[in-house]
Every structure is written in C-alpha cells, then in structure tokens.
PDB file of N, CA and C in Angstrom:
ATOM      1  N   MET A   1      -6.429   2.670  -5.833  1.00  0.00           N
ATOM      2  CA  MET A   1      -6.088   2.594  -4.431  1.00  0.00           C
ATOM      3  C   MET A   1      -5.872   4.027  -3.940  1.00  0.00           C
ATOM      4  N   SER A   2      -6.460   4.324  -2.797  1.00  0.00           N
ATOM      5  CA  SER A   2      -6.358   5.685  -2.268  1.00  0.00           C
ATOM      6  C   SER A   2      -4.967   5.941  -1.698  1.00  0.00           C
ATOM      7  N   GLU A   3      -4.639   7.212  -1.593  1.00  0.00           N
ATOM      8  CA  GLU A   3      -3.343   7.611  -1.040  1.00  0.00           C
ATOM      9  C   GLU A   3      -3.226   7.180   0.422  1.00  0.00           C
ATOM     10  N   MET A   4      -4.339   7.248   1.160  1.00  0.00           N
ATOM     11  CA  MET A   4      -4.318   6.849   2.567  1.00  0.00           C
ATOM     12  C   MET A   4      -4.058   5.351   2.709  1.00  0.00           C
ATOM     13  N   THR A   5      -4.657   4.530   1.843  1.00  0.00           N
ATOM     14  CA  THR A   5      -4.437   3.081   1.881  1.00  0.00           C
ATOM     15  C   THR A   5      -2.967   2.766   1.617  1.00  0.00           C
ATOM     16  N   THR A   6      -2.399   3.408   0.611  1.00  0.00           N
ATOM     17  CA  THR A   6      -0.989   3.210   0.292  1.00  0.00           C
ATOM     18  C   THR A   6      -0.113   3.597   1.475  1.00  0.00           C
ATOM     19  N   GLU A   7      -0.432   4.708   2.112  1.00  0.00           N
ATOM     20  CA  GLU A   7       0.344   5.181   3.259  1.00  0.00           C
ATOM     21  C   GLU A   7       0.289   4.174   4.412  1.00  0.00           C
ATOM     22  N   ILE A   8      -0.901   3.650   4.697  1.00  0.00           N
ATOM     23  CA  ILE A   8      -1.063   2.674   5.777  1.00  0.00           C
ATOM     24  C   ILE A   8      -0.267   1.409   5.480  1.00  0.00           C
ATOM     25  N   LEU A   9      -0.362   0.917   4.245  1.00  0.00           N
ATOM     26  CA  LEU A   9       0.386  -0.289   3.873  1.00  0.00           C
ATOM     27  C   LEU A   9       1.889  -0.052   3.959  1.00  0.00           C
ATOM     28  N   GLU A  10       2.353   1.095   3.491  1.00  0.00           N
ATOM     29  CA  GLU A  10       3.785   1.403   3.551  1.00  0.00           C
ATOM     30  C   GLU A  10       4.271   1.473   4.993  1.00  0.00           C
ATOM     31  N   GLN A  11       3.457   2.031   5.893  1.00  0.00           N
ATOM     32  CA  GLN A  11       3.833   2.128   7.306  1.00  0.00           C
ATOM     33  C   GLN A  11       3.939   0.747   7.954  1.00  0.00           C
ATOM     34  N   ASN A  12       3.221  -0.230   7.409  1.00  0.00           N
ATOM     35  CA  ASN A  12       3.196  -1.571   7.994  1.00  0.00           C
ATOM     36  C   ASN A  12       4.096  -2.567   7.293  1.00  0.00           C
ATOM     37  N   LEU A  13       4.882  -2.126   6.296  1.00  0.00           N
ATOM     38  CA  LEU A  13       5.833  -3.020   5.645  1.00  0.00           C
ATOM     39  C   LEU A  13       6.813  -3.551   6.689  1.00  0.00           C
ATOM     40  N   SER A  14       7.094  -4.826   6.619  1.00  0.00           N
ATOM     41  CA  SER A  14       8.001  -5.536   7.539  1.00  0.00           C
ATOM     42  C   SER A  14       7.422  -5.725   8.936  1.00  0.00           C
ATOM     43  N   LYS A  15       6.157  -5.400   9.129  1.00  0.00           N
ATOM     44  CA  LYS A  15       5.517  -5.597  10.429  1.00  0.00           C
ATOM     45  C   LYS A  15       4.564  -6.781  10.347  1.00  0.00           C
ATOM     46  N   VAL A  16       4.289  -7.373  11.501  1.00  0.00           N
ATOM     47  CA  VAL A  16       3.356  -8.494  11.561  1.00  0.00           C
ATOM     48  C   VAL A  16       1.931  -7.950  11.488  1.00  0.00           C
ATOM     49  N   VAL A  17       1.143  -8.500  10.572  1.00  0.00           N
ATOM     50  CA  VAL A  17      -0.237  -8.069  10.379  1.00  0.00           C
ATOM     51  C   VAL A  17      -1.169  -9.268  10.452  1.00  0.00           C
ATOM     52  N   LEU A  18      -2.406  -8.995  10.755  1.00  0.00           N
ATOM     53  CA  LEU A  18      -3.454 -10.005  10.749  1.00  0.00           C
ATOM     54  C   LEU A  18      -4.373  -9.690   9.590  1.00  0.00           C
ATOM     55  N   VAL A  19      -4.590 -10.676   8.727  1.00  0.00           N
ATOM     56  CA  VAL A  19      -5.459 -10.492   7.569  1.00  0.00           C
ATOM     57  C   VAL A  19      -6.631 -11.439   7.706  1.00  0.00           C
ATOM     58  N   ARG A  20      -7.829 -10.898   7.668  1.00  0.00           N
ATOM     59  CA  ARG A  20      -9.026 -11.727   7.717  1.00  0.00           C
ATOM     60  C   ARG A  20      -9.554 -11.865   6.294  1.00  0.00           C
ATOM     61  N   LEU A  21      -9.711 -13.112   5.871  1.00  0.00           N
ATOM     62  CA  LEU A  21     -10.181 -13.396   4.523  1.00  0.00           C
ATOM     63  C   LEU A  21     -11.693 -13.521   4.511  1.00  0.00           C
ATOM     64  N   LYS A  22     -12.273 -13.276   3.350  1.00  0.00           N
ATOM     65  CA  LYS A  22     -13.693 -13.537   3.179  1.00  0.00           C
ATOM     66  C   LYS A  22     -13.905 -15.023   3.427  1.00  0.00           C
ATOM     67  N   GLY A  23     -14.930 -15.374   4.172  1.00  0.00           N
ATOM     68  CA  GLY A  23     -15.158 -16.765   4.498  1.00  0.00           C
ATOM     69  C   GLY A  23     -14.702 -17.110   5.900  1.00  0.00           C
ATOM     70  N   GLY A  24     -14.026 -16.164   6.580  1.00  0.00           N
ATOM     71  CA  GLY A  24     -13.707 -16.364   7.976  1.00  0.00           C
ATOM     72  C   GLY A  24     -12.297 -16.784   8.327  1.00  0.00           C
ATOM     73  N   LYS A  25     -11.454 -17.115   7.351  1.00  0.00           N
ATOM     74  CA  LYS A  25     -10.072 -17.494   7.665  1.00  0.00           C
ATOM     75  C   LYS A  25      -9.287 -16.282   8.153  1.00  0.00           C
ATOM     76  N   SER A  26      -8.305 -16.544   9.039  1.00  0.00           N
ATOM     77  CA  SER A  26      -7.405 -15.499   9.525  1.00  0.00           C
ATOM     78  C   SER A  26      -5.968 -15.927   9.278  1.00  0.00           C
ATOM     79  N   LEU A  27      -5.186 -14.997   8.761  1.00  0.00           N
ATOM     80  CA  LEU A  27      -3.768 -15.245   8.507  1.00  0.00           C
ATOM     81  C   LEU A  27      -2.953 -14.205   9.249  1.00  0.00           C
ATOM     82  N   ARG A  28      -1.814 -14.635   9.812  1.00  0.00           N
ATOM     83  CA  ARG A  28      -0.890 -13.720  10.465  1.00  0.00           C
ATOM     84  C   ARG A  28       0.457 -13.886   9.789  1.00  0.00           C
ATOM     85  N   GLY A  29       1.038 -12.769   9.359  1.00  0.00           N
ATOM     86  CA  GLY A  29       2.337 -12.831   8.711  1.00  0.00           C
ATOM     87  C   GLY A  29       2.981 -11.464   8.622  1.00  0.00           C
ATOM     88  N   ARG A  30       4.221 -11.450   8.178  1.00  0.00           N
ATOM     89  CA  ARG A  30       4.968 -10.200   8.039  1.00  0.00           C
ATOM     90  C   ARG A  30       4.707  -9.647   6.633  1.00  0.00           C
ATOM     91  N   LEU A  31       4.227  -8.409   6.571  1.00  0.00           N
ATOM     92  CA  LEU A  31       3.905  -7.781   5.286  1.00  0.00           C
ATOM     93  C   LEU A  31       5.187  -7.455   4.536  1.00  0.00           C
ATOM     94  N   LYS A  32       5.384  -8.149   3.426  1.00  0.00           N
ATOM     95  CA  LYS A  32       6.606  -7.975   2.635  1.00  0.00           C
ATOM     96  C   LYS A  32       6.383  -7.006   1.479  1.00  0.00           C
ATOM     97  N   GLY A  33       5.144  -6.961   0.953  1.00  0.00           N
ATOM     98  CA  GLY A  33       4.883  -6.075  -0.172  1.00  0.00           C
ATOM     99  C   GLY A  33       3.413  -6.065  -0.545  1.00  0.00           C
ATOM    100  N   PHE A  34       3.074  -5.167  -1.479  1.00  0.00           N
ATOM    101  CA  PHE A  34       1.703  -5.043  -1.974  1.00  0.00           C
ATOM    102  C   PHE A  34       1.746  -4.373  -3.344  1.00  0.00           C
ATOM    103  N   ASP A  35       0.623  -4.426  -4.051  1.00  0.00           N
ATOM    104  CA  ASP A  35       0.547  -3.755  -5.353  1.00  0.00           C
ATOM    105  C   ASP A  35      -0.706  -2.890  -5.429  1.00  0.00           C
ATOM    106  N   GLN A  36      -0.936  -2.285  -6.589  1.00  0.00           N
ATOM    107  CA  GLN A  36      -2.053  -1.358  -6.778  1.00  0.00           C
ATOM    108  C   GLN A  36      -3.417  -2.031  -6.673  1.00  0.00           C
ATOM    109  N   HIS A  37      -3.468  -3.361  -6.753  1.00  0.00           N
ATOM    110  CA  HIS A  37      -4.725  -4.111  -6.629  1.00  0.00           C
ATOM    111  C   HIS A  37      -4.971  -4.580  -5.197  1.00  0.00           C
ATOM    112  N   LEU A  38      -4.084  -4.165  -4.286  1.00  0.00           N
ATOM    113  CA  LEU A  38      -4.134  -4.551  -2.870  1.00  0.00           C
ATOM    114  C   LEU A  38      -3.862  -6.034  -2.657  1.00  0.00           C
ATOM    115  N   ASN A  39      -3.169  -6.657  -3.611  1.00  0.00           N
ATOM    116  CA  ASN A  39      -2.645  -7.997  -3.364  1.00  0.00           C
ATOM    117  C   ASN A  39      -1.521  -7.833  -2.349  1.00  0.00           C
ATOM    118  N   LEU A  40      -1.457  -8.737  -1.379  1.00  0.00           N
ATOM    119  CA  LEU A  40      -0.472  -8.640  -0.320  1.00  0.00           C
ATOM    120  C   LEU A  40       0.507  -9.801  -0.394  1.00  0.00           C
ATOM    121  N   VAL A  41       1.771  -9.538  -0.155  1.00  0.00           N
ATOM    122  CA  VAL A  41       2.783 -10.580  -0.030  1.00  0.00           C
ATOM    123  C   VAL A  41       3.109 -10.671   1.458  1.00  0.00           C
ATOM    124  N   LEU A  42       2.881 -11.857   2.030  1.00  0.00           N
ATOM    125  CA  LEU A  42       3.154 -12.098   3.439  1.00  0.00           C
ATOM    126  C   LEU A  42       4.210 -13.185   3.555  1.00  0.00           C
ATOM    127  N   GLU A  43       5.151 -13.008   4.490  1.00  0.00           N
ATOM    128  CA  GLU A  43       6.132 -14.043   4.766  1.00  0.00           C
ATOM    129  C   GLU A  43       5.966 -14.499   6.204  1.00  0.00           C
ATOM    130  N   GLU A  44       6.512 -15.671   6.503  1.00  0.00           N
ATOM    131  CA  GLU A  44       6.366 -16.268   7.839  1.00  0.00           C
ATOM    132  C   GLU A  44       4.885 -16.354   8.227  1.00  0.00           C
ATOM    133  N   THR A  45       4.060 -16.690   7.262  1.00  0.00           N
ATOM    134  CA  THR A  45       2.608 -16.668   7.453  1.00  0.00           C
ATOM    135  C   THR A  45       2.114 -17.919   8.151  1.00  0.00           C
ATOM    136  N   GLU A  46       1.119 -17.710   9.022  1.00  0.00           N
ATOM    137  CA  GLU A  46       0.448 -18.800   9.715  1.00  0.00           C
ATOM    138  C   GLU A  46      -1.056 -18.636   9.540  1.00  0.00           C
ATOM    139  N   ASP A  47      -1.750 -19.743   9.359  1.00  0.00           N
ATOM    140  CA  ASP A  47      -3.212 -19.754   9.366  1.00  0.00           C
ATOM    141  C   ASP A  47      -3.623 -19.827  10.835  1.00  0.00           C
ATOM    142  N   THR A  48      -4.219 -18.765  11.348  1.00  0.00           N
ATOM    143  CA  THR A  48      -4.588 -18.685  12.761  1.00  0.00           C
ATOM    144  C   THR A  48      -6.094 -18.817  12.961  1.00  0.00           C
ATOM    145  N   THR A  49      -6.788 -19.370  11.979  1.00  0.00           N
ATOM    146  CA  THR A  49      -8.242 -19.508  12.068  1.00  0.00           C
ATOM    147  C   THR A  49      -8.639 -20.346  13.275  1.00  0.00           C
ATOM    148  N   ALA A  50      -8.008 -21.497  13.437  1.00  0.00           N
ATOM    149  CA  ALA A  50      -8.292 -22.379  14.574  1.00  0.00           C
ATOM    150  C   ALA A  50      -7.111 -22.293  15.542  1.00  0.00           C
ATOM    151  N   VAL A  51      -7.333 -21.705  16.695  1.00  0.00           N
ATOM    152  CA  VAL A  51      -6.258 -21.477  17.668  1.00  0.00           C
ATOM    153  C   VAL A  51      -5.535 -22.768  18.023  1.00  0.00           C
ATOM    154  N   GLU A  52      -6.267 -23.850  18.172  1.00  0.00           N
ATOM    155  CA  GLU A  52      -5.664 -25.126  18.571  1.00  0.00           C
ATOM    156  C   GLU A  52      -4.964 -25.844  17.418  1.00  0.00           C
ATOM    157  N   ASN A  53      -5.123 -25.358  16.191  1.00  0.00           N
ATOM    158  CA  ASN A  53      -4.554 -26.047  15.034  1.00  0.00           C
ATOM    159  C   ASN A  53      -3.972 -25.039  14.043  1.00  0.00           C
ATOM    160  N   GLN A  54      -3.011 -24.210  14.485  1.00  0.00           N
ATOM    161  CA  GLN A  54      -2.413 -23.222  13.601  1.00  0.00           C
ATOM    162  C   GLN A  54      -1.473 -23.912  12.622  1.00  0.00           C
ATOM    163  N   LYS A  55      -1.508 -23.438  11.366  1.00  0.00           N
ATOM    164  CA  LYS A  55      -0.683 -24.049  10.319  1.00  0.00           C
ATOM    165  C   LYS A  55       0.295 -23.033   9.773  1.00  0.00           C
ATOM    166  N   LYS A  56       1.547 -23.444   9.606  1.00  0.00           N
ATOM    167  CA  LYS A  56       2.558 -22.582   8.997  1.00  0.00           C
ATOM    168  C   LYS A  56       2.419 -22.663   7.477  1.00  0.00           C
ATOM    169  N   LEU A  57       2.342 -21.504   6.833  1.00  0.00           N
ATOM    170  CA  LEU A  57       2.166 -21.440   5.388  1.00  0.00           C
ATOM    171  C   LEU A  57       3.380 -20.860   4.674  1.00  0.00           C
ATOM    172  N   GLY A  58       4.237 -20.142   5.396  1.00  0.00           N
ATOM    173  CA  GLY A  58       5.425 -19.552   4.783  1.00  0.00           C
ATOM    174  C   GLY A  58       5.110 -18.312   3.970  1.00  0.00           C
ATOM    175  N   LEU A  59       5.720 -18.199   2.794  1.00  0.00           N
ATOM    176  CA  LEU A  59       5.560 -17.051   1.910  1.00  0.00           C
ATOM    177  C   LEU A  59       4.310 -17.247   1.049  1.00  0.00           C
ATOM    178  N   ILE A  60       3.383 -16.290   1.105  1.00  0.00           N
ATOM    179  CA  ILE A  60       2.154 -16.404   0.308  1.00  0.00           C
ATOM    180  C   ILE A  60       1.767 -15.054  -0.284  1.00  0.00           C
ATOM    181  N   ILE A  61       0.881 -15.105  -1.271  1.00  0.00           N
ATOM    182  CA  ILE A  61       0.261 -13.913  -1.843  1.00  0.00           C
ATOM    183  C   ILE A  61      -1.233 -14.007  -1.561  1.00  0.00           C
ATOM    184  N   VAL A  62      -1.794 -12.928  -1.001  1.00  0.00           N
ATOM    185  CA  VAL A  62      -3.232 -12.864  -0.732  1.00  0.00           C
ATOM    186  C   VAL A  62      -3.835 -11.903  -1.745  1.00  0.00           C
ATOM    187  N   ARG A  63      -4.744 -12.417  -2.559  1.00  0.00           N
ATOM    188  CA  ARG A  63      -5.393 -11.567  -3.560  1.00  0.00           C
ATOM    189  C   ARG A  63      -6.223 -10.488  -2.888  1.00  0.00           C
ATOM    190  N   GLY A  64      -6.164  -9.293  -3.430  1.00  0.00           N
ATOM    191  CA  GLY A  64      -6.854  -8.155  -2.848  1.00  0.00           C
ATOM    192  C   GLY A  64      -8.350  -8.332  -2.725  1.00  0.00           C
ATOM    193  N   ASP A  65      -8.967  -9.064  -3.635  1.00  0.00           N
ATOM    194  CA  ASP A  65     -10.427  -9.234  -3.586  1.00  0.00           C
ATOM    195  C   ASP A  65     -10.850 -10.366  -2.653  1.00  0.00           C
ATOM    196  N   LYS A  66      -9.909 -11.053  -2.022  1.00  0.00           N
ATOM    197  CA  LYS A  66     -10.226 -12.182  -1.137  1.00  0.00           C
ATOM    198  C   LYS A  66     -10.091 -11.841   0.337  1.00  0.00           C
ATOM    199  N   ARG A  67      -9.758 -10.601   0.665  1.00  0.00           N
ATOM    200  CA  ARG A  67      -9.502 -10.262   2.056  1.00  0.00           C
ATOM    201  C   ARG A  67     -10.405  -9.138   2.533  1.00  0.00           C
ATOM    202  N   SER A  68     -10.517  -9.076   3.843  1.00  0.00           N
ATOM    203  CA  SER A  68     -11.172  -7.968   4.518  1.00  0.00           C
ATOM    204  C   SER A  68     -10.079  -6.963   4.866  1.00  0.00           C
ATOM    205  N   PRO A  69     -10.408  -5.900   5.574  1.00  0.00           N
ATOM    206  CA  PRO A  69      -9.368  -4.900   5.887  1.00  0.00           C
ATOM    207  C   PRO A  69      -8.155  -5.464   6.622  1.00  0.00           C
ATOM    208  N   LEU A  70      -7.067  -4.758   6.525  1.00  0.00           N
ATOM    209  CA  LEU A  70      -5.786  -5.143   7.108  1.00  0.00           C
ATOM    210  C   LEU A  70      -5.690  -4.621   8.536  1.00  0.00           C
ATOM    211  N   TYR A  71      -5.217  -5.471   9.425  1.00  0.00           N
ATOM    212  CA  TYR A  71      -5.062  -5.099  10.833  1.00  0.00           C
ATOM    213  C   TYR A  71      -3.615  -5.313  11.236  1.00  0.00           C
ATOM    214  N   ARG A  72      -3.011  -4.342  11.886  1.00  0.00           N
ATOM    215  CA  ARG A  72      -1.662  -4.505  12.422  1.00  0.00           C
ATOM    216  C   ARG A  72      -1.787  -5.036  13.847  1.00  0.00           C
ATOM    217  N   LEU A  73      -1.026  -6.042  14.142  1.00  0.00           N
ATOM    218  CA  LEU A  73      -1.017  -6.582  15.493  1.00  0.00           C
ATOM    219  C   LEU A  73      -0.103  -5.741  16.370  1.00  0.00           C
ATOM    220  N   ARG A  74      -0.542  -5.484  17.547  1.00  0.00           N
ATOM    221  CA  ARG A  74       0.310  -4.796  18.524  1.00  0.00           C
ATOM    222  C   ARG A  74       0.957  -5.874  19.376  1.00  0.00           C
ATOM    223  N   LEU A  75       2.199  -6.161  19.080  1.00  0.00           N
ATOM    224  CA  LEU A  75       2.935  -7.202  19.790  1.00  0.00           C
ATOM    225  C   LEU A  75       3.985  -6.581  20.683  1.00  0.00           C
ATOM    226  N   GLY A  76       4.271  -7.284  21.792  1.00  0.00           N
ATOM    227  CA  GLY A  76       5.383  -6.846  22.625  1.00  0.00           C
ATOM    228  C   GLY A  76       5.023  -5.954  23.720  1.00  0.00           C
TER     229      GLY A  76
END
C-alpha cells in the first residue's frame, strides 16, 4: 500500500465514505479502520445501490480486492 493511500485513508477515518464494489453495489458508512491489504471496516453501513430500497447493514468489513476506489462524501 502506498504512503499516499495510507494518508488518504487516515484522513477519512471516522468520516462517512461511499464505497463502490466490483459488480456495481454501493455502500455508505463511517470508516472505522483499514489494514495493509486495503480491507475496510465500516460502521453504520447502508447498501445504497437502489435508492428506493436502501438496506441497513451495520458494522461490516469490505475486502480490499472487492472494491473500487474510496470516495469521501461531502455532507452538510
């Protein structure tokens, strides 16, 4: 993992992020942690793939090889 990737993830700890998974799913949650493999721990997570049918998932781990780049949501 590059130093820049680590820096970006550290800056976004405890912030709400949008994660797009391979296959088209979208998850929104608060970034709680990550590891050297870019596995992400998200809390208060929701599946936002279908706007009309969002699902609450709670605390989850997203494997690093199953996601696309990380996006921080600008809220507020």
